[in-house]
Amino acid sequence: MPTTPNFPQNIILEDDLVLLRPLQESDVENLVEISNNEPETWEFSLTRANGKENLIHYIQLALKAKESKTEFPFIVFDKKSGKYAGSTRFYDINLAFKTLQLGYTWYGKDFRGTGLNKHCKFLLLQFAFETLGMERVEFRADANNQRSIAAMKSIGCKVEGVLRNHMPTFGGEVRRNSIILSILRSEWFDEVKDNLRRKL
């Protein structure tokens, strides 16, 4: 039986607008301004990074998951402004099944609606399908998070359905419905790649 390849541990992705590199503990200092001043960034997140202590915990959890080879978190650097913009990651990585999820994506308010997200997603999807050979990339969001859902649809994601009462929300008083979207390998090469490139 063939062995499953290991996930790369040092990925750097970039184009003329954005650089994605592996998240590190020292990146607390690069993201703390957003963390301290923009708590609304994590409105729909179960694990929040608002405030320096929460950001430290958030990064520590991400790096622990990276050690287990189930996740790969990135920090996002905006070349135009010369500032760090936020974070994103691959998670639920299953190399044997050739699937992964793309999420935990957040940016400071100055970087939303600037086109940065499309550049990030193009680089991440290209790496997933063309370097890792994934067959499916999945996306999930709180079904109430219309901004995130619109962003995913705009890059070519197709809605598959909703997981009802799927997981707790922050605070645990209510549970959220999670919308599931995806892009398949064939869709990337047939249409999504070219359509997304035109939007960059």
C-alpha atoms as a PDB file:
ATOM      1  CA  MET A   1       0.000   0.000   0.000  1.00  0.00           C
ATOM      2  CA  PRO A   2       1.487   3.395  -0.968  1.00  0.00           C
ATOM      3  CA  THR A   3       2.418   5.719   1.869  1.00  0.00           C
ATOM      4  CA  THR A   4       0.601   9.018   2.306  1.00  0.00           C
ATOM      5  CA  PRO A   5       2.914  11.990   1.663  1.00  0.00           C
ATOM      6  CA  ASN A   6       3.527  14.447   4.472  1.00  0.00           C
ATOM      7  CA  PHE A   7       2.069  17.919   4.282  1.00  0.00           C
ATOM      8  CA  PRO A   8       4.797  20.524   3.586  1.00  0.00           C
ATOM      9  CA  GLN A   9       5.864  22.392   6.710  1.00  0.00           C
ATOM     10  CA  ASN A  10       7.237  25.538   5.101  1.00  0.00           C
ATOM     11  CA  ILE A  11       4.874  27.072   2.552  1.00  0.00           C
ATOM     12  CA  ILE A  12       5.314  30.607   1.252  1.00  0.00           C
ATOM     13  CA  LEU A  13       2.828  31.889  -1.319  1.00  0.00           C
ATOM     14  CA  GLU A  14       2.952  35.317  -2.914  1.00  0.00           C
ATOM     15  CA  ASP A  15       2.068  37.514  -5.854  1.00  0.00           C
ATOM     16  CA  ASP A  16       2.450  41.230  -6.484  1.00  0.00           C
ATOM     17  CA  LEU A  17      -0.122  42.177  -3.802  1.00  0.00           C
ATOM     18  CA  VAL A  18       0.059  39.628  -1.012  1.00  0.00           C
ATOM     19  CA  LEU A  19       2.452  37.327   0.841  1.00  0.00           C
ATOM     20  CA  LEU A  20       1.317  34.327   2.864  1.00  0.00           C
ATOM     21  CA  ARG A  21       3.863  32.670   5.121  1.00  0.00           C
ATOM     22  CA  PRO A  22       3.633  30.235   8.043  1.00  0.00           C
ATOM     23  CA  LEU A  23       2.153  31.751  11.215  1.00  0.00           C
ATOM     24  CA  GLN A  24       4.630  31.963  14.126  1.00  0.00           C
ATOM     25  CA  GLU A  25       4.371  32.718  17.846  1.00  0.00           C
ATOM     26  CA  SER A  26       6.170  36.021  17.295  1.00  0.00           C
ATOM     27  CA  ASP A  27       3.334  37.140  14.987  1.00  0.00           C
ATOM     28  CA  VAL A  28       1.409  38.237  18.052  1.00  0.00           C
ATOM     29  CA  GLU A  29       3.167  41.580  17.649  1.00  0.00           C
ATOM     30  CA  ASN A  30       2.247  41.790  13.960  1.00  0.00           C
ATOM     31  CA  LEU A  31      -1.469  41.241  14.597  1.00  0.00           C
ATOM     32  CA  VAL A  32      -2.027  42.763  18.021  1.00  0.00           C
ATOM     33  CA  GLU A  33      -3.210  46.140  16.673  1.00  0.00           C
ATOM     34  CA  ILE A  34      -6.139  44.490  14.872  1.00  0.00           C
ATOM     35  CA  SER A  35      -6.689  42.239  17.871  1.00  0.00           C
ATOM     36  CA  ASN A  36      -6.923  45.136  20.314  1.00  0.00           C
ATOM     37  CA  ASN A  37      -8.944  47.551  18.192  1.00  0.00           C
ATOM     38  CA  GLU A  38     -11.321  45.479  16.038  1.00  0.00           C
ATOM     39  CA  PRO A  39     -13.226  42.954  18.192  1.00  0.00           C
ATOM     40  CA  GLU A  40     -16.021  42.714  15.585  1.00  0.00           C
ATOM     41  CA  THR A  41     -13.593  40.756  13.382  1.00  0.00           C
ATOM     42  CA  TRP A  42     -14.438  37.598  15.358  1.00  0.00           C
ATOM     43  CA  GLU A  43     -18.205  38.102  15.618  1.00  0.00           C
ATOM     44  CA  PHE A  44     -18.902  34.690  14.086  1.00  0.00           C
ATOM     45  CA  SER A  45     -15.906  32.808  15.506  1.00  0.00           C
ATOM     46  CA  LEU A  46     -15.985  30.204  18.236  1.00  0.00           C
ATOM     47  CA  THR A  47     -12.334  30.889  19.086  1.00  0.00           C
ATOM     48  CA  ARG A  48     -11.700  34.615  19.265  1.00  0.00           C
ATOM     49  CA  ALA A  49      -8.483  36.567  19.013  1.00  0.00           C
ATOM     50  CA  ASN A  50      -9.707  39.889  20.405  1.00  0.00           C
ATOM     51  CA  GLY A  51      -7.182  41.353  22.860  1.00  0.00           C
ATOM     52  CA  LYS A  52      -3.559  40.315  23.191  1.00  0.00           C
ATOM     53  CA  GLU A  53      -4.131  37.393  25.580  1.00  0.00           C
ATOM     54  CA  ASN A  54      -6.784  35.867  23.324  1.00  0.00           C
ATOM     55  CA  LEU A  55      -4.546  36.398  20.295  1.00  0.00           C
ATOM     56  CA  ILE A  56      -1.675  34.574  22.024  1.00  0.00           C
ATOM     57  CA  HIS A  57      -4.030  31.683  22.813  1.00  0.00           C
ATOM     58  CA  TYR A  58      -5.408  31.684  19.264  1.00  0.00           C
ATOM     59  CA  ILE A  59      -1.923  31.432  17.741  1.00  0.00           C
ATOM     60  CA  GLN A  60      -0.842  28.755  20.221  1.00  0.00           C
ATOM     61  CA  LEU A  61      -3.870  26.613  19.294  1.00  0.00           C
ATOM     62  CA  ALA A  62      -3.139  27.083  15.597  1.00  0.00           C
ATOM     63  CA  LEU A  63       0.491  26.041  15.988  1.00  0.00           C
ATOM     64  CA  LYS A  64      -0.458  23.003  18.066  1.00  0.00           C
ATOM     65  CA  ALA A  65      -2.819  21.906  15.284  1.00  0.00           C
ATOM     66  CA  LYS A  66       0.000  22.451  12.786  1.00  0.00           C
ATOM     67  CA  GLU A  67       2.196  20.079  14.808  1.00  0.00           C
ATOM     68  CA  SER A  68      -0.498  17.403  14.471  1.00  0.00           C
ATOM     69  CA  LYS A  69      -0.401  17.976  10.673  1.00  0.00           C
ATOM     70  CA  THR A  70      -4.160  18.569  10.482  1.00  0.00           C
ATOM     71  CA  GLU A  71      -3.868  22.337   9.951  1.00  0.00           C
ATOM     72  CA  PHE A  72      -1.521  24.841   8.339  1.00  0.00           C
ATOM     73  CA  PRO A  73      -2.011  28.468   9.475  1.00  0.00           C
ATOM     74  CA  PHE A  74      -0.692  31.470   7.557  1.00  0.00           C
ATOM     75  CA  ILE A  75      -0.194  35.123   8.358  1.00  0.00           C
ATOM     76  CA  VAL A  76      -1.236  37.478   5.543  1.00  0.00           C
ATOM     77  CA  PHE A  77       0.969  40.422   4.570  1.00  0.00           C
ATOM     78  CA  ASP A  78      -0.391  43.188   2.358  1.00  0.00           C
ATOM     79  CA  LYS A  79       2.437  44.388   0.116  1.00  0.00           C
ATOM     80  CA  LYS A  80       0.620  47.538  -0.984  1.00  0.00           C
ATOM     81  CA  SER A  81       0.381  48.989   2.525  1.00  0.00           C
ATOM     82  CA  GLY A  82       3.391  47.160   3.955  1.00  0.00           C
ATOM     83  CA  LYS A  83       1.246  45.879   6.831  1.00  0.00           C
ATOM     84  CA  TYR A  84       0.095  42.543   8.171  1.00  0.00           C
ATOM     85  CA  ALA A  85      -3.560  42.089   7.303  1.00  0.00           C
ATOM     86  CA  GLY A  86      -4.759  38.983   9.146  1.00  0.00           C
ATOM     87  CA  SER A  87      -4.649  35.209   9.006  1.00  0.00           C
ATOM     88  CA  THR A  88      -6.027  32.202   7.138  1.00  0.00           C
ATOM     89  CA  ARG A  89      -5.368  28.461   7.106  1.00  0.00           C
ATOM     90  CA  PHE A  90      -5.801  25.039   5.614  1.00  0.00           C
ATOM     91  CA  TYR A  91      -7.466  22.678   8.091  1.00  0.00           C
ATOM     92  CA  ASP A  92      -9.035  19.218   8.296  1.00  0.00           C
ATOM     93  CA  ILE A  93      -6.209  18.195   5.965  1.00  0.00           C
ATOM     94  CA  ASN A  94      -6.703  14.643   4.685  1.00  0.00           C
ATOM     95  CA  LEU A  95      -3.992  13.814   2.170  1.00  0.00           C
ATOM     96  CA  ALA A  96      -5.190  10.214   1.779  1.00  0.00           C
ATOM     97  CA  PHE A  97      -8.642  11.408   0.658  1.00  0.00           C
ATOM     98  CA  LYS A  98      -7.168  14.450  -1.160  1.00  0.00           C
ATOM     99  CA  THR A  99      -9.432  16.874   0.676  1.00  0.00           C
ATOM    100  CA  LEU A 100      -8.973  19.837   2.962  1.00  0.00           C
ATOM    101  CA  GLN A 101     -10.866  22.829   4.249  1.00  0.00           C
ATOM    102  CA  LEU A 102      -9.908  26.462   3.810  1.00  0.00           C
ATOM    103  CA  GLY A 103     -10.967  28.886   6.496  1.00  0.00           C
ATOM    104  CA  TYR A 104     -10.246  30.603   9.804  1.00  0.00           C
ATOM    105  CA  THR A 105      -9.870  33.636   7.553  1.00  0.00           C
ATOM    106  CA  TRP A 106      -9.958  37.125   9.010  1.00  0.00           C
ATOM    107  CA  TYR A 107      -8.609  40.503   7.998  1.00  0.00           C
ATOM    108  CA  GLY A 108      -8.501  43.896   9.645  1.00  0.00           C
ATOM    109  CA  LYS A 109     -11.117  46.354   8.441  1.00  0.00           C
ATOM    110  CA  ASP A 110      -8.614  48.304   6.330  1.00  0.00           C
ATOM    111  CA  PHE A 111      -8.037  45.198   4.182  1.00  0.00           C
ATOM    112  CA  ARG A 112     -11.632  44.131   3.578  1.00  0.00           C
ATOM    113  CA  GLY A 113     -13.060  44.891   0.157  1.00  0.00           C
ATOM    114  CA  THR A 114      -9.610  45.742  -1.247  1.00  0.00           C
ATOM    115  CA  GLY A 115      -9.219  42.618  -3.386  1.00  0.00           C
ATOM    116  CA  LEU A 116      -6.733  41.150  -0.919  1.00  0.00           C
ATOM    117  CA  ASN A 117      -8.957  38.171  -0.133  1.00  0.00           C
ATOM    118  CA  LYS A 118      -9.274  37.155  -3.791  1.00  0.00           C
ATOM    119  CA  HIS A 119      -5.492  37.245  -4.181  1.00  0.00           C
ATOM    120  CA  CYS A 120      -5.106  35.072  -1.074  1.00  0.00           C
ATOM    121  CA  LYS A 121      -7.719  32.590  -2.201  1.00  0.00           C
ATOM    122  CA  PHE A 122      -6.206  32.308  -5.681  1.00  0.00           C
ATOM    123  CA  LEU A 123      -2.793  31.446  -4.236  1.00  0.00           C
ATOM    124  CA  LEU A 124      -4.227  28.999  -1.696  1.00  0.00           C
ATOM    125  CA  LEU A 125      -6.499  27.239  -4.180  1.00  0.00           C
ATOM    126  CA  GLN A 126      -3.750  27.040  -6.785  1.00  0.00           C
ATOM    127  CA  PHE A 127      -1.454  25.450  -4.210  1.00  0.00           C
ATOM    128  CA  ALA A 128      -4.146  23.037  -3.017  1.00  0.00           C
ATOM    129  CA  PHE A 129      -5.141  21.794  -6.462  1.00  0.00           C
ATOM    130  CA  GLU A 130      -1.904  22.133  -8.439  1.00  0.00           C
ATOM    131  CA  THR A 131       0.814  21.389  -5.878  1.00  0.00           C
ATOM    132  CA  LEU A 132      -0.937  19.164  -3.353  1.00  0.00           C
ATOM    133  CA  GLY A 133      -3.232  17.534  -5.916  1.00  0.00           C
ATOM    134  CA  MET A 134      -6.396  17.962  -3.854  1.00  0.00           C
ATOM    135  CA  GLU A 135      -9.691  16.768  -5.320  1.00  0.00           C
ATOM    136  CA  ARG A 136     -11.895  18.963  -3.152  1.00  0.00           C
ATOM    137  CA  VAL A 137     -11.511  22.136  -1.117  1.00  0.00           C
ATOM    138  CA  GLU A 138     -14.321  22.804   1.338  1.00  0.00           C
ATOM    139  CA  PHE A 139     -15.424  26.041   2.992  1.00  0.00           C
ATOM    140  CA  ARG A 140     -17.739  26.515   5.972  1.00  0.00           C
ATOM    141  CA  ALA A 141     -19.324  29.530   7.616  1.00  0.00           C
ATOM    142  CA  ASP A 142     -21.999  30.511  10.062  1.00  0.00           C
ATOM    143  CA  ALA A 143     -25.170  30.590   7.953  1.00  0.00           C
ATOM    144  CA  ASN A 144     -25.796  34.107   9.305  1.00  0.00           C
ATOM    145  CA  ASN A 145     -22.419  35.419   8.145  1.00  0.00           C
ATOM    146  CA  GLN A 146     -23.572  36.972   4.888  1.00  0.00           C
ATOM    147  CA  ARG A 147     -20.308  38.835   4.221  1.00  0.00           C
ATOM    148  CA  SER A 148     -18.284  35.635   4.383  1.00  0.00           C
ATOM    149  CA  ILE A 149     -20.782  33.657   2.297  1.00  0.00           C
ATOM    150  CA  ALA A 150     -20.837  36.348  -0.410  1.00  0.00           C
ATOM    151  CA  ALA A 151     -17.035  36.364  -0.498  1.00  0.00           C
ATOM    152  CA  MET A 152     -16.918  32.586  -0.953  1.00  0.00           C
ATOM    153  CA  LYS A 153     -19.502  32.619  -3.724  1.00  0.00           C
ATOM    154  CA  SER A 154     -17.608  35.419  -5.486  1.00  0.00           C
ATOM    155  CA  ILE A 155     -14.501  33.243  -5.855  1.00  0.00           C
ATOM    156  CA  GLY A 156     -16.483  30.360  -7.353  1.00  0.00           C
ATOM    157  CA  CYS A 157     -17.596  28.235  -4.400  1.00  0.00           C
ATOM    158  CA  LYS A 158     -20.777  26.222  -4.849  1.00  0.00           C
ATOM    159  CA  VAL A 159     -23.252  25.815  -2.005  1.00  0.00           C
ATOM    160  CA  GLU A 160     -23.814  22.200  -0.998  1.00  0.00           C
ATOM    161  CA  GLY A 161     -26.195  22.642   1.907  1.00  0.00           C
ATOM    162  CA  VAL A 162     -26.558  23.561   5.557  1.00  0.00           C
ATOM    163  CA  LEU A 163     -25.632  21.562   8.639  1.00  0.00           C
ATOM    164  CA  ARG A 164     -28.411  22.411  11.071  1.00  0.00           C
ATOM    165  CA  ASN A 165     -27.570  23.111  14.708  1.00  0.00           C
ATOM    166  CA  HIS A 166     -24.039  22.163  13.755  1.00  0.00           C
ATOM    167  CA  MET A 167     -21.901  23.706  16.493  1.00  0.00           C
ATOM    168  CA  PRO A 168     -21.999  26.064  19.467  1.00  0.00           C
ATOM    169  CA  THR A 169     -21.469  29.779  19.083  1.00  0.00           C
ATOM    170  CA  PHE A 170     -19.238  31.879  21.291  1.00  0.00           C
ATOM    171  CA  GLY A 171     -20.718  31.864  24.786  1.00  0.00           C
ATOM    172  CA  GLY A 172     -22.576  28.619  24.116  1.00  0.00           C
ATOM    173  CA  GLU A 173     -26.132  29.938  24.601  1.00  0.00           C
ATOM    174  CA  VAL A 174     -27.218  29.103  21.059  1.00  0.00           C
ATOM    175  CA  ARG A 175     -26.014  26.784  18.322  1.00  0.00           C
ATOM    176  CA  ARG A 176     -25.264  27.818  14.784  1.00  0.00           C
ATOM    177  CA  ASN A 177     -26.230  26.430  11.415  1.00  0.00           C
ATOM    178  CA  SER A 178     -23.168  26.000   9.186  1.00  0.00           C
ATOM    179  CA  ILE A 179     -23.331  26.493   5.436  1.00  0.00           C
ATOM    180  CA  ILE A 180     -21.104  24.177   3.384  1.00  0.00           C
ATOM    181  CA  LEU A 181     -19.528  25.275   0.107  1.00  0.00           C
ATOM    182  CA  SER A 182     -16.834  23.697  -2.036  1.00  0.00           C
ATOM    183  CA  ILE A 183     -14.712  23.797  -5.151  1.00  0.00           C
ATOM    184  CA  LEU A 184     -13.760  20.564  -6.928  1.00  0.00           C
ATOM    185  CA  ARG A 185     -10.558  19.932  -8.821  1.00  0.00           C
ATOM    186  CA  SER A 186     -12.381  19.763 -12.162  1.00  0.00           C
ATOM    187  CA  GLU A 187     -14.166  23.053 -11.424  1.00  0.00           C
ATOM    188  CA  TRP A 188     -10.871  24.767 -10.613  1.00  0.00           C
ATOM    189  CA  PHE A 189      -9.341  23.872 -13.950  1.00  0.00           C
ATOM    190  CA  ASP A 190     -12.544  24.232 -16.022  1.00  0.00           C
ATOM    191  CA  GLU A 191     -13.703  27.648 -14.835  1.00  0.00           C
ATOM    192  CA  VAL A 192     -12.883  28.825 -11.321  1.00  0.00           C
ATOM    193  CA  LYS A 193      -9.189  29.506 -11.893  1.00  0.00           C
ATOM    194  CA  ASP A 194      -9.693  31.655 -14.988  1.00  0.00           C
ATOM    195  CA  ASN A 195     -12.727  33.461 -13.570  1.00  0.00           C
ATOM    196  CA  LEU A 196     -10.914  34.265 -10.340  1.00  0.00           C
ATOM    197  CA  ARG A 197      -7.747  35.368 -12.147  1.00  0.00           C
ATOM    198  CA  ARG A 198      -9.805  37.881 -14.160  1.00  0.00           C
ATOM    199  CA  LYS A 199     -11.019  39.429 -10.907  1.00  0.00           C
ATOM    200  CA  LEU A 200      -7.534  39.997  -9.530  1.00  0.00           C
END
